[in-house]
Amino acid sequence: MPAERHTLYDWFAASAAAHADRTALETGDTELTYAELARLADALAAHLLRLLGGTPPGRVGLLAGRTAVAYAGYLAVQRLGAAVVPLGPGFPAARNASTVRAAQLDAVVADGSADHSGWPDVPTLALTDPDLLRLTAPAPPTGRTARPEDLAYILFTSGSTGVPKGVPIQHRNVCAYLAHVVPRCAAGPGDRFSQTFDLTFDPSVHDMFTAWGSGATLVAATRDELLAPVRFVNRRALTHWNSVPSVISLAQRFRALRPDSMPTLRSSMFCGEPLTLQQAEAWHRAAPHSTVDNAYGPTELTVTCTTYRLPAGHADRPAPANGTVPIGTLHPGLQRRLEQGELCVRGAQRFPGYLDPAHNAGRFLAPDGTPYDPATALNDAHWYRTGDRVTTLPGAPEDEPGAARDTPPLVHLGRDDQQVQVHGYRVEIGEVEAALRALPGVLDAAVVPLTHPGGVELGAAYTGEEGDGDQIRAALRARLPVYMVPATLTALDALPLNHNGKVDRTALGALLGGAGAR
């Protein structure tokens, strides 16, 4: 990694200096060069400073969709040496408000796409894309000089107690990630990267800064383009793709993945949920000039921590028993340890610990592999417990626990806990159950993942008053993001229990798999 790229903003700034007249961003009808995007980020940063009376912020919320305000805002916050805290325009206002409080935000930048009334009293700079394009900077913004150990961004993931967990990522974590993935993308000026993710989902960081770290163009998808991925690729002449695997199933459902139907693609990455061999084969047939990478990694390990590139030749492709593409080997600078099949990781990309230290309990191992004592301070030698079960490809030799690099590719076997991926978003089942139990008339509730050809959805069962399914869904949407609202709601007289008196989730899954929504 070049010595000057110590912070997230450095990756953009280097390309802005070298490729000022190249297109950096396309979103909607707006197209911005690197020079224009840098100027708007500076102007927005200056106005944010003015809003705060000249005091540089430490943490700034970003309530924006895939708009010019979102991307200029992200860079403006980085320009000031502050940490970005993305908020969800589609999330309930109460959930965003709780994030504002938990993150102790100094300010919020909003693009007007979501209601933020009733929030805590936090200074808010609200502007539309046309407002942004008219901005001028009264003077170059003066913020803090970020250090590698400072926070670049904080994401809030689903929490098992019903309270989202803040995951802070340092500049050194994300720069270690980019030092590996930017060269791997093999991109440069003229290349065009998709942006299909919301800013609340960390693959968006990959899209932004692999594009901007290469001098390439970031192309943000509209809502309609998300529903027609093949058309999006072709209409925008994309060269680099990144999405959740369920996008492949969506395209297949509409019979859009015809052979050689995406000839411009040279690189494709899938992450956020298991990529099946069938999905990978279908995408490769449609984009025969593209590599296909399956990437894996929890937010705590900075976007992705392993990658597997599908071999070009059919004879060389693996065939794990579970029908998924391997997740591959660890990125440089990371180490792994298997504890009863659970993947534990430490190294340059591992986050420094949760925003609320109480959430660290049970999520780490001591350097020697013994349970972590939450009363002691975390350091770089501690292992993060991913909660994911893995194995090596059949016939591949096991390396020693804690080895510097795991040579054999890993295969993902599932979760050890109640955490699942729904449309690429990480969901703690306990949080959904907590929201259900909080509704009037609901005595108990249980939620299970239901797998179908298009991906994973949530099925819920509850006891108490049967109620109206539409009313229950409406109540849940007021508490949870849409992707966390169960696809099916079934009223039962009692939840099935196993011999230990616990909810029998296997039996419940079988029951709900054949049940309609109620």
Protein backbone atom coordinates (compact mmCIF):
# COMPACT_ATOMS: atom_id res chain seq x y z
CA MET A 1 0.00 0.00 0.00
CA PRO A 2 1.41 3.47 -0.86
CA ALA A 3 2.70 5.16 2.27
CA GLU A 4 0.38 8.15 1.91
CA ARG A 5 -2.81 6.06 2.01
CA HIS A 6 -3.27 5.93 5.76
CA THR A 7 -6.97 6.88 5.77
CA LEU A 8 -10.08 6.07 3.78
CA TYR A 9 -10.12 9.55 2.23
CA ASP A 10 -6.53 9.09 1.01
CA TRP A 11 -7.73 6.44 -1.48
CA PHE A 12 -10.10 8.94 -3.09
CA ALA A 13 -7.71 11.89 -2.88
CA ALA A 14 -4.94 10.05 -4.74
CA SER A 15 -7.25 9.34 -7.68
CA ALA A 16 -8.71 12.85 -7.59
CA ALA A 17 -5.19 14.24 -7.96
CA ALA A 18 -4.22 11.84 -10.75
CA HIS A 19 -7.51 11.67 -12.68
CA ALA A 20 -9.26 14.99 -12.02
CA ASP A 21 -11.17 15.05 -15.31
CA ARG A 22 -12.27 11.39 -15.24
CA THR A 23 -15.81 10.52 -14.17
CA ALA A 24 -15.94 9.51 -10.51
CA LEU A 25 -19.68 9.10 -9.98
CA GLU A 26 -22.89 8.51 -11.90
CA THR A 27 -26.10 8.57 -9.88
CA GLY A 28 -29.51 9.23 -11.42
CA ASP A 29 -29.03 11.98 -13.99
CA THR A 30 -25.97 13.37 -12.20
CA GLU A 31 -22.45 12.74 -13.48
CA LEU A 32 -19.45 14.11 -11.58
CA THR A 33 -15.74 14.09 -12.34
CA TYR A 34 -13.21 13.48 -9.59
CA ALA A 35 -12.50 17.21 -9.46
CA GLU A 36 -16.20 18.07 -9.20
CA LEU A 37 -16.91 15.45 -6.55
CA ALA A 38 -13.88 16.60 -4.51
CA ARG A 39 -15.06 20.22 -4.75
CA LEU A 40 -18.59 19.33 -3.64
CA ALA A 41 -17.26 17.24 -0.76
CA ASP A 42 -15.15 20.20 0.33
CA ALA A 43 -18.11 22.58 0.05
CA LEU A 44 -20.38 20.25 2.01
CA ALA A 45 -17.67 19.82 4.67
CA ALA A 46 -17.31 23.60 4.96
CA HIS A 47 -21.06 24.07 5.42
CA LEU A 48 -21.12 21.28 7.99
CA LEU A 49 -18.36 23.04 9.92
CA ARG A 50 -20.31 26.30 9.77
CA LEU A 51 -23.39 24.50 11.13
CA LEU A 52 -21.28 23.32 14.08
CA GLY A 53 -19.79 26.73 14.78
CA GLY A 54 -16.40 25.79 13.41
CA THR A 55 -15.88 22.81 15.72
CA PRO A 56 -14.83 19.70 13.76
CA PRO A 57 -17.22 16.80 14.40
CA GLY A 58 -16.19 13.38 15.65
CA ARG A 59 -19.13 11.33 14.32
CA VAL A 60 -21.60 12.33 11.64
CA GLY A 61 -24.74 10.48 10.63
CA LEU A 62 -25.55 10.13 6.93
CA LEU A 63 -29.26 9.72 6.16
CA ALA A 64 -29.22 9.31 2.41
CA GLY A 65 -29.95 6.91 -0.41
CA ARG A 66 -27.77 6.39 -3.49
CA THR A 67 -27.73 10.13 -4.24
CA ALA A 68 -24.99 12.65 -4.93
CA VAL A 69 -25.55 13.98 -1.40
CA ALA A 70 -24.83 10.51 -0.03
CA TYR A 71 -21.46 10.14 -1.77
CA ALA A 72 -20.31 13.75 -1.40
CA GLY A 73 -21.48 13.56 2.22
CA TYR A 74 -19.50 10.39 2.86
CA LEU A 75 -16.36 12.04 1.49
CA ALA A 76 -17.05 15.31 3.34
CA VAL A 77 -17.18 13.52 6.68
CA GLN A 78 -13.93 11.70 5.86
CA ARG A 79 -12.42 15.02 4.73
CA LEU A 80 -13.06 16.41 8.22
CA GLY A 81 -11.37 13.42 9.89
CA ALA A 82 -14.69 12.26 11.37
CA ALA A 83 -16.41 8.87 11.35
CA VAL A 84 -19.41 8.23 9.09
CA VAL A 85 -22.45 6.59 10.68
CA PRO A 86 -24.88 5.55 7.90
CA LEU A 87 -28.59 5.70 8.74
CA GLY A 88 -31.28 3.91 6.74
CA PRO A 89 -33.73 6.08 4.76
CA GLY A 90 -36.02 3.04 4.66
CA PHE A 91 -35.65 2.28 8.37
CA PRO A 92 -38.29 3.28 10.93
CA ALA A 93 -37.60 6.76 12.33
CA ALA A 94 -37.42 5.33 15.86
CA ARG A 95 -34.66 2.91 14.86
CA ASN A 96 -32.61 5.67 13.25
CA ALA A 97 -33.18 7.84 16.32
CA SER A 98 -31.82 5.08 18.57
CA THR A 99 -28.72 4.88 16.36
CA VAL A 100 -28.26 8.65 16.62
CA ARG A 101 -28.29 8.34 20.40
CA ALA A 102 -26.13 5.21 20.62
CA ALA A 103 -23.49 6.63 18.29
CA GLN A 104 -23.53 10.01 20.08
CA LEU A 105 -23.59 11.85 16.79
CA ASP A 106 -22.39 15.43 16.53
CA ALA A 107 -24.39 16.09 13.36
CA VAL A 108 -26.42 14.48 10.57
CA VAL A 109 -26.27 15.05 6.81
CA ALA A 110 -29.57 14.20 5.09
CA ASP A 111 -30.73 14.16 1.46
CA GLY A 112 -34.42 14.66 2.28
CA SER A 113 -35.42 11.09 1.39
CA ALA A 114 -36.55 10.19 4.93
CA ASP A 115 -38.35 11.76 7.86
CA HIS A 116 -36.13 12.74 10.75
CA SER A 117 -38.67 14.61 12.85
CA GLY A 118 -38.86 13.58 16.49
CA TRP A 119 -35.16 12.77 16.60
CA PRO A 120 -32.76 13.75 19.35
CA ASP A 121 -31.65 17.37 19.14
CA VAL A 122 -28.74 16.93 16.72
CA PRO A 123 -27.69 19.61 14.19
CA THR A 124 -28.85 18.46 10.75
CA LEU A 125 -27.68 19.65 7.36
CA ALA A 126 -30.48 18.72 4.94
CA LEU A 127 -30.12 19.30 1.21
CA THR A 128 -31.18 17.76 -2.09
CA ASP A 129 -28.92 16.93 -5.03
CA PRO A 130 -29.80 20.23 -6.79
CA ASP A 131 -28.94 22.07 -3.53
CA LEU A 132 -25.62 20.24 -3.38
CA LEU A 133 -24.69 21.11 -6.96
CA ARG A 134 -25.21 24.81 -6.16
CA LEU A 135 -22.98 24.74 -3.06
CA THR A 136 -19.85 26.82 -2.92
CA ALA A 137 -17.20 26.56 -0.23
CA PRO A 138 -16.54 29.88 1.55
CA ALA A 139 -13.09 28.53 2.49
CA PRO A 140 -11.32 25.16 2.43
CA PRO A 141 -12.64 23.06 5.32
CA THR A 142 -10.34 22.51 8.27
CA GLY A 143 -11.00 19.34 10.20
CA ARG A 144 -9.02 16.88 12.23
CA THR A 145 -6.13 14.98 10.71
CA ALA A 146 -7.28 11.38 10.96
CA ARG A 147 -4.80 8.76 12.15
CA PRO A 148 -4.79 5.08 11.20
CA GLU A 149 -6.22 4.12 14.58
CA ASP A 150 -9.10 6.62 14.35
CA LEU A 151 -12.57 5.49 13.30
CA ALA A 152 -13.49 5.65 9.61
CA TYR A 153 -17.11 4.51 10.02
CA ILE A 154 -19.53 2.83 12.41
CA LEU A 155 -22.19 0.39 11.22
CA PHE A 156 -25.03 -0.90 13.36
CA THR A 157 -25.82 -4.59 12.91
CA SER A 158 -28.73 -6.61 14.21
CA GLY A 159 -28.39 -7.53 17.89
CA SER A 160 -29.63 -10.70 19.62
CA THR A 161 -31.01 -8.70 22.59
CA GLY A 162 -33.21 -6.60 20.33
CA VAL A 163 -30.73 -3.70 20.44
CA PRO A 164 -28.52 -3.09 17.35
CA LYS A 165 -24.77 -3.38 17.95
CA GLY A 166 -22.40 -0.63 16.88
CA VAL A 167 -19.39 -1.94 14.93
CA PRO A 168 -16.62 0.68 14.68
CA ILE A 169 -14.05 0.25 11.90
CA GLN A 170 -10.70 2.01 12.06
CA HIS A 171 -8.85 3.52 9.12
CA ARG A 172 -6.11 0.93 9.54
CA ASN A 173 -8.71 -1.85 9.23
CA VAL A 174 -10.24 -0.57 6.01
CA CYS A 175 -6.91 0.48 4.48
CA ALA A 176 -5.58 -3.06 5.03
CA TYR A 177 -8.67 -4.35 3.24
CA LEU A 178 -8.32 -1.95 0.32
CA ALA A 179 -4.60 -2.68 -0.04
CA HIS A 180 -5.62 -6.24 -0.94
CA VAL A 181 -8.83 -5.79 -2.93
CA VAL A 182 -7.98 -2.74 -5.05
CA PRO A 183 -5.11 -4.50 -6.88
CA ARG A 184 -7.23 -7.67 -7.10
CA CYS A 185 -9.94 -5.75 -8.99
CA ALA A 186 -7.35 -4.84 -11.65
CA ALA A 187 -9.26 -1.69 -12.56
CA GLY A 188 -8.38 1.80 -13.73
CA PRO A 189 -9.79 4.92 -15.39
CA GLY A 190 -12.60 4.01 -17.75
CA ASP A 191 -13.75 1.01 -15.71
CA ARG A 192 -17.24 1.13 -14.22
CA PHE A 193 -18.24 -0.32 -10.85
CA SER A 194 -21.78 -1.15 -9.76
CA GLN A 195 -23.22 0.22 -6.52
CA THR A 196 -26.23 -1.90 -5.58
CA PHE A 197 -25.91 -1.65 -1.79
CA ASP A 198 -27.26 0.87 0.70
CA LEU A 199 -24.67 2.68 2.80
CA THR A 200 -25.89 0.83 5.90
CA PHE A 201 -24.42 -2.37 4.40
CA ASP A 202 -20.61 -2.47 4.32
CA PRO A 203 -20.16 -3.89 0.79
CA SER A 204 -21.01 -0.32 -0.23
CA VAL A 205 -17.58 0.65 1.16
CA HIS A 206 -16.00 -1.91 -1.16
CA ASP A 207 -17.80 -0.46 -4.18
CA MET A 208 -17.00 3.16 -3.42
CA PHE A 209 -13.36 2.84 -2.57
CA THR A 210 -12.29 0.08 -4.95
CA ALA A 211 -13.71 2.30 -7.70
CA TRP A 212 -12.27 5.54 -6.33
CA GLY A 213 -9.03 3.84 -5.31
CA SER A 214 -8.58 2.81 -8.96
CA GLY A 215 -9.56 6.02 -10.74
CA ALA A 216 -12.69 4.25 -12.01
CA THR A 217 -16.36 5.31 -12.07
CA LEU A 218 -18.92 4.36 -9.40
CA VAL A 219 -22.34 3.78 -10.99
CA ALA A 220 -25.18 3.87 -8.46
CA ALA A 221 -28.22 1.76 -9.32
CA THR A 222 -31.70 3.24 -9.28
CA ARG A 223 -34.54 1.29 -7.68
CA ASP A 224 -35.75 0.10 -11.09
CA GLU A 225 -32.25 -0.96 -12.12
CA LEU A 226 -31.96 -3.15 -9.03
CA LEU A 227 -34.95 -5.13 -10.31
CA ALA A 228 -33.35 -5.68 -13.72
CA PRO A 229 -29.65 -6.39 -13.08
CA VAL A 230 -28.79 -7.59 -16.59
CA ARG A 231 -30.35 -4.50 -18.14
CA PHE A 232 -28.46 -2.36 -15.59
CA VAL A 233 -25.13 -3.97 -16.54
CA ASN A 234 -25.69 -3.46 -20.26
CA ARG A 235 -27.28 -0.03 -20.21
CA ARG A 236 -24.45 1.33 -18.04
CA ALA A 237 -21.67 -0.76 -19.67
CA LEU A 238 -20.47 -2.00 -16.28
CA THR A 239 -17.12 -3.74 -16.02
CA HIS A 240 -17.17 -4.64 -12.30
CA TRP A 241 -20.14 -6.11 -10.43
CA ASN A 242 -20.83 -6.66 -6.72
CA SER A 243 -24.11 -7.84 -5.18
CA VAL A 244 -25.76 -10.47 -3.03
CA PRO A 245 -26.26 -13.85 -4.78
CA SER A 246 -30.04 -13.53 -4.66
CA VAL A 247 -29.73 -11.04 -7.53
CA ILE A 248 -28.77 -14.03 -9.70
CA SER A 249 -31.96 -15.83 -8.71
CA LEU A 250 -33.97 -12.69 -9.50
CA ALA A 251 -32.46 -12.51 -12.98
CA GLN A 252 -33.08 -16.22 -13.52
CA ARG A 253 -36.71 -15.86 -12.48
CA PHE A 254 -37.20 -13.36 -15.32
CA ARG A 255 -35.13 -15.53 -17.70
CA ALA A 256 -32.67 -12.68 -18.23
CA LEU A 257 -29.45 -14.68 -17.72
CA ARG A 258 -28.97 -15.80 -21.27
CA PRO A 259 -25.53 -16.97 -22.44
CA ASP A 260 -23.17 -14.03 -23.08
CA SER A 261 -25.89 -11.56 -22.11
CA MET A 262 -23.41 -9.38 -20.12
CA PRO A 263 -20.34 -9.13 -22.35
CA THR A 264 -18.89 -5.97 -20.73
CA LEU A 265 -18.34 -7.53 -17.31
CA ARG A 266 -14.73 -8.44 -16.41
CA SER A 267 -15.05 -8.91 -12.67
CA SER A 268 -17.99 -10.12 -10.53
CA MET A 269 -18.10 -10.47 -6.76
CA PHE A 270 -20.87 -11.90 -4.61
CA CYS A 271 -21.12 -11.59 -0.84
CA GLY A 272 -23.57 -11.31 2.05
CA GLU A 273 -25.10 -14.80 1.76
CA PRO A 274 -24.08 -18.24 0.43
CA LEU A 275 -23.36 -18.40 -3.30
CA THR A 276 -24.53 -21.71 -4.73
CA LEU A 277 -22.64 -23.53 -7.45
CA GLN A 278 -25.73 -23.33 -9.64
CA GLN A 279 -25.92 -19.55 -9.24
CA ALA A 280 -22.20 -19.12 -9.99
CA GLU A 281 -22.46 -21.27 -13.13
CA ALA A 282 -25.48 -19.34 -14.38
CA TRP A 283 -23.79 -15.97 -13.87
CA HIS A 284 -20.57 -17.14 -15.53
CA ARG A 285 -22.45 -18.32 -18.60
CA ALA A 286 -24.10 -14.92 -18.85
CA ALA A 287 -20.81 -13.07 -18.28
CA PRO A 288 -18.18 -15.40 -19.81
CA HIS A 289 -15.46 -12.70 -19.85
CA SER A 290 -15.81 -12.07 -16.09
CA THR A 291 -14.09 -13.65 -13.15
CA VAL A 292 -16.50 -14.79 -10.40
CA ASP A 293 -15.45 -14.25 -6.79
CA ASN A 294 -17.30 -15.53 -3.74
CA ALA A 295 -16.41 -13.32 -0.78
CA TYR A 296 -17.18 -13.83 2.90
CA GLY A 297 -16.81 -11.71 6.00
CA PRO A 298 -18.75 -10.26 8.92
CA THR A 299 -18.82 -6.49 9.41
CA GLU A 300 -16.44 -6.94 12.36
CA LEU A 301 -13.71 -8.14 9.97
CA THR A 302 -14.10 -5.18 7.56
CA VAL A 303 -16.33 -6.01 4.59
CA THR A 304 -14.83 -9.39 3.59
CA CYS A 305 -11.99 -11.48 5.00
CA THR A 306 -11.87 -14.42 2.57
CA THR A 307 -12.33 -14.76 -1.18
CA TYR A 308 -12.57 -17.67 -3.60
CA ARG A 309 -12.25 -17.20 -7.34
CA LEU A 310 -14.21 -19.72 -9.39
CA PRO A 311 -11.80 -21.58 -11.71
CA ALA A 312 -12.36 -20.84 -15.38
CA GLY A 313 -12.36 -24.52 -16.37
CA HIS A 314 -15.34 -26.68 -15.40
CA ALA A 315 -13.06 -29.62 -14.60
CA ASP A 316 -11.24 -27.53 -11.97
CA ARG A 317 -14.34 -26.34 -10.15
CA PRO A 318 -15.06 -27.72 -6.69
CA ALA A 319 -18.19 -29.58 -5.64
CA PRO A 320 -18.74 -29.22 -1.88
CA ALA A 321 -21.47 -31.46 -0.52
CA ASN A 322 -23.64 -28.49 0.48
CA GLY A 323 -23.70 -27.17 -3.11
CA THR A 324 -22.09 -23.81 -2.31
CA VAL A 325 -19.00 -22.15 -3.72
CA PRO A 326 -16.12 -22.22 -1.19
CA ILE A 327 -15.45 -18.96 0.64
CA GLY A 328 -11.72 -19.35 -0.05
CA THR A 329 -8.64 -18.29 1.88
CA LEU A 330 -7.97 -15.44 4.27
CA HIS A 331 -6.78 -12.08 3.02
CA PRO A 332 -3.12 -11.16 3.73
CA GLY A 333 -2.50 -9.96 7.27
CA LEU A 334 -5.19 -12.20 8.79
CA GLN A 335 -4.88 -15.38 10.83
CA ARG A 336 -7.51 -17.97 11.61
CA ARG A 337 -8.22 -20.50 14.31
CA LEU A 338 -10.88 -23.22 14.24
CA GLU A 339 -12.55 -23.92 17.57
CA GLN A 340 -14.91 -26.90 17.23
CA GLY A 341 -15.51 -25.87 13.64
CA GLU A 342 -16.15 -22.19 14.38
CA LEU A 343 -14.00 -19.76 12.43
CA CYS A 344 -12.10 -17.31 14.63
CA VAL A 345 -10.00 -14.56 13.04
CA ARG A 346 -7.53 -11.90 14.07
CA GLY A 347 -5.28 -9.50 12.20
CA ALA A 348 -5.21 -6.17 10.42
CA GLN A 349 -8.88 -6.10 9.43
CA ARG A 350 -10.33 -7.07 12.82
CA PHE A 351 -12.33 -4.28 14.42
CA PRO A 352 -11.26 -2.92 17.85
CA GLY A 353 -14.39 -4.12 19.69
CA TYR A 354 -18.04 -3.11 19.84
CA LEU A 355 -19.12 0.47 20.48
CA ASP A 356 -20.76 -0.79 23.66
CA PRO A 357 -18.09 -2.93 25.39
CA ALA A 358 -20.84 -5.03 26.98
CA HIS A 359 -21.37 -6.60 23.55
CA ASN A 360 -17.79 -7.96 23.55
CA ALA A 361 -18.72 -10.71 26.00
CA GLY A 362 -18.72 -14.08 24.30
CA ARG A 363 -17.52 -12.70 20.96
CA PHE A 364 -13.75 -13.08 21.45
CA LEU A 365 -11.14 -15.63 22.47
CA ALA A 366 -7.95 -14.88 24.38
CA PRO A 367 -4.69 -15.18 22.39
CA ASP A 368 -4.25 -18.79 23.60
CA GLY A 369 -7.77 -19.76 22.56
CA THR A 370 -9.32 -19.70 26.02
CA PRO A 371 -12.53 -17.71 26.64
CA TYR A 372 -12.06 -13.96 26.67
CA ASP A 373 -12.44 -12.19 30.02
CA PRO A 374 -14.56 -9.05 29.35
CA ALA A 375 -12.94 -7.37 32.35
CA THR A 376 -9.65 -7.21 30.44
CA ALA A 377 -8.78 -4.88 27.57
CA LEU A 378 -8.93 -6.17 24.01
CA ASN A 379 -5.75 -6.12 21.96
CA ASP A 380 -4.74 -7.21 18.48
CA ALA A 381 -3.86 -10.72 19.66
CA HIS A 382 -7.46 -11.59 20.57
CA TRP A 383 -9.49 -13.74 18.18
CA TYR A 384 -12.91 -12.61 16.91
CA ARG A 385 -15.47 -15.41 17.00
CA THR A 386 -17.43 -15.22 13.76
CA GLY A 387 -20.14 -17.66 14.83
CA ASP A 388 -19.75 -19.32 11.42
CA ARG A 389 -18.96 -23.01 10.99
CA VAL A 390 -16.43 -23.83 8.29
CA THR A 391 -14.42 -26.75 7.00
CA THR A 392 -11.77 -27.22 4.35
CA LEU A 393 -12.53 -28.71 0.97
CA PRO A 394 -12.52 -32.53 1.13
CA GLY A 395 -9.00 -33.85 0.67
CA ALA A 396 -7.33 -30.53 1.51
CA PRO A 397 -4.92 -30.79 4.47
CA GLU A 398 -5.66 -28.92 7.69
CA ASP A 399 -3.10 -26.34 8.75
CA GLU A 400 -2.19 -25.56 12.35
CA PRO A 401 -4.59 -23.42 14.41
CA GLY A 402 -3.44 -19.81 14.37
CA ALA A 403 -1.28 -20.28 11.28
CA ALA A 404 -0.43 -17.12 9.39
CA ARG A 405 -2.47 -18.17 6.36
CA ASP A 406 -4.91 -20.99 5.72
CA THR A 407 -3.80 -22.57 2.45
CA PRO A 408 -6.78 -24.87 1.74
CA PRO A 409 -9.99 -23.08 0.69
CA LEU A 410 -12.69 -22.97 3.35
CA VAL A 411 -16.31 -24.00 2.87
CA HIS A 412 -19.05 -22.25 4.84
CA LEU A 413 -21.35 -24.67 6.68
CA GLY A 414 -23.75 -22.30 8.41
CA ARG A 415 -24.21 -20.40 11.67
CA ASP A 416 -23.52 -21.57 15.19
CA ASP A 417 -25.99 -19.09 16.66
CA GLN A 418 -29.31 -17.60 15.58
CA GLN A 419 -27.83 -15.17 13.10
CA VAL A 420 -28.85 -15.45 9.44
CA GLN A 421 -28.39 -13.54 6.21
CA VAL A 422 -31.57 -12.21 4.58
CA HIS A 423 -31.05 -10.61 1.15
CA GLY A 424 -27.47 -9.99 2.20
CA TYR A 425 -28.32 -8.28 5.49
CA ARG A 426 -27.22 -9.87 8.72
CA VAL A 427 -30.20 -10.49 10.99
CA GLU A 428 -30.25 -11.64 14.58
CA ILE A 429 -33.35 -13.77 14.90
CA GLY A 430 -33.58 -12.76 18.55
CA GLU A 431 -34.15 -9.13 17.56
CA VAL A 432 -37.10 -10.04 15.33
CA GLU A 433 -38.54 -12.27 18.06
CA ALA A 434 -38.15 -9.45 20.59
CA ALA A 435 -40.07 -7.09 18.30
CA LEU A 436 -42.87 -9.65 17.89
CA ARG A 437 -43.14 -10.29 21.63
CA ALA A 438 -43.45 -6.55 22.25
CA LEU A 439 -46.70 -6.37 20.26
CA PRO A 440 -50.01 -6.28 22.13
CA GLY A 441 -51.64 -9.70 22.43
CA VAL A 442 -48.48 -11.68 21.56
CA LEU A 443 -47.39 -14.03 24.36
CA ASP A 444 -44.44 -15.77 22.74
CA ALA A 445 -42.78 -15.86 19.33
CA ALA A 446 -40.17 -17.77 17.40
CA VAL A 447 -38.58 -17.01 14.04
CA VAL A 448 -36.76 -19.40 11.70
CA PRO A 449 -35.05 -18.95 8.33
CA LEU A 450 -36.89 -20.49 5.39
CA THR A 451 -34.74 -21.38 2.38
CA HIS A 452 -36.22 -21.27 -1.10
CA PRO A 453 -34.72 -21.04 -4.61
CA GLY A 454 -34.56 -17.23 -4.44
CA GLY A 455 -32.71 -17.10 -1.13
CA VAL A 456 -33.66 -16.92 2.53
CA GLU A 457 -36.77 -15.42 4.12
CA LEU A 458 -37.96 -15.34 7.72
CA GLY A 459 -40.93 -17.32 8.94
CA ALA A 460 -42.50 -16.43 12.29
CA ALA A 461 -44.86 -18.20 14.64
CA TYR A 462 -46.50 -16.62 17.65
CA THR A 463 -48.88 -17.52 20.45
CA GLY A 464 -51.59 -15.40 22.02
CA GLU A 465 -54.33 -13.54 20.22
CA GLU A 466 -54.32 -14.52 16.55
CA GLY A 467 -54.79 -10.95 15.35
CA ASP A 468 -54.67 -9.70 11.79
CA GLY A 469 -51.53 -10.52 9.79
CA ASP A 470 -51.53 -7.19 7.94
CA GLN A 471 -51.81 -5.28 11.21
CA ILE A 472 -48.97 -7.26 12.75
CA ARG A 473 -46.78 -6.60 9.72
CA ALA A 474 -47.58 -2.90 9.87
CA ALA A 475 -46.64 -2.85 13.56
CA LEU A 476 -43.37 -4.67 12.82
CA ARG A 477 -42.51 -2.28 9.96
CA ALA A 478 -42.76 0.57 12.47
CA ARG A 479 -40.06 -1.15 14.56
CA LEU A 480 -37.85 -3.00 12.07
CA PRO A 481 -36.30 -2.51 8.62
CA VAL A 482 -38.32 -4.18 5.85
CA TYR A 483 -35.79 -6.98 5.36
CA MET A 484 -36.28 -8.06 9.00
CA VAL A 485 -40.09 -8.35 8.79
CA PRO A 486 -41.02 -12.06 8.45
CA ALA A 487 -42.44 -13.16 5.12
CA THR A 488 -44.91 -15.47 6.89
CA LEU A 489 -46.75 -15.01 10.19
CA THR A 490 -48.46 -18.05 11.70
CA ALA A 491 -50.55 -18.12 14.88
CA LEU A 492 -50.15 -21.30 16.98
CA ASP A 493 -51.74 -22.53 20.18
CA ALA A 494 -48.24 -23.44 21.41
CA LEU A 495 -44.72 -23.40 20.00
CA PRO A 496 -43.21 -26.88 19.39
CA LEU A 497 -40.68 -27.82 22.10
CA ASN A 498 -37.87 -30.38 22.21
CA HIS A 499 -37.10 -32.73 25.10
CA ASN A 500 -35.13 -29.96 26.84
CA GLY A 501 -38.16 -27.71 26.88
CA LYS A 502 -36.63 -25.38 24.29
CA VAL A 503 -38.30 -24.30 21.06
CA ASP A 504 -37.79 -27.08 18.53
CA ARG A 505 -36.64 -24.94 15.62
CA THR A 506 -36.26 -27.90 13.30
CA ALA A 507 -39.89 -28.89 13.83
CA LEU A 508 -40.96 -25.25 13.57
CA GLY A 509 -39.08 -24.82 10.30
CA ALA A 510 -40.79 -27.88 8.86
CA LEU A 511 -44.18 -26.57 10.01
CA LEU A 512 -43.68 -23.03 8.67
CA GLY A 513 -42.11 -24.23 5.45
CA GLY A 514 -45.50 -25.62 4.50
CA ALA A 515 -47.58 -22.87 6.06
CA GLY A 516 -49.05 -19.87 4.32
CA ALA A 517 -48.87 -16.36 5.71
CA ARG A 518 -51.62 -15.57 8.17
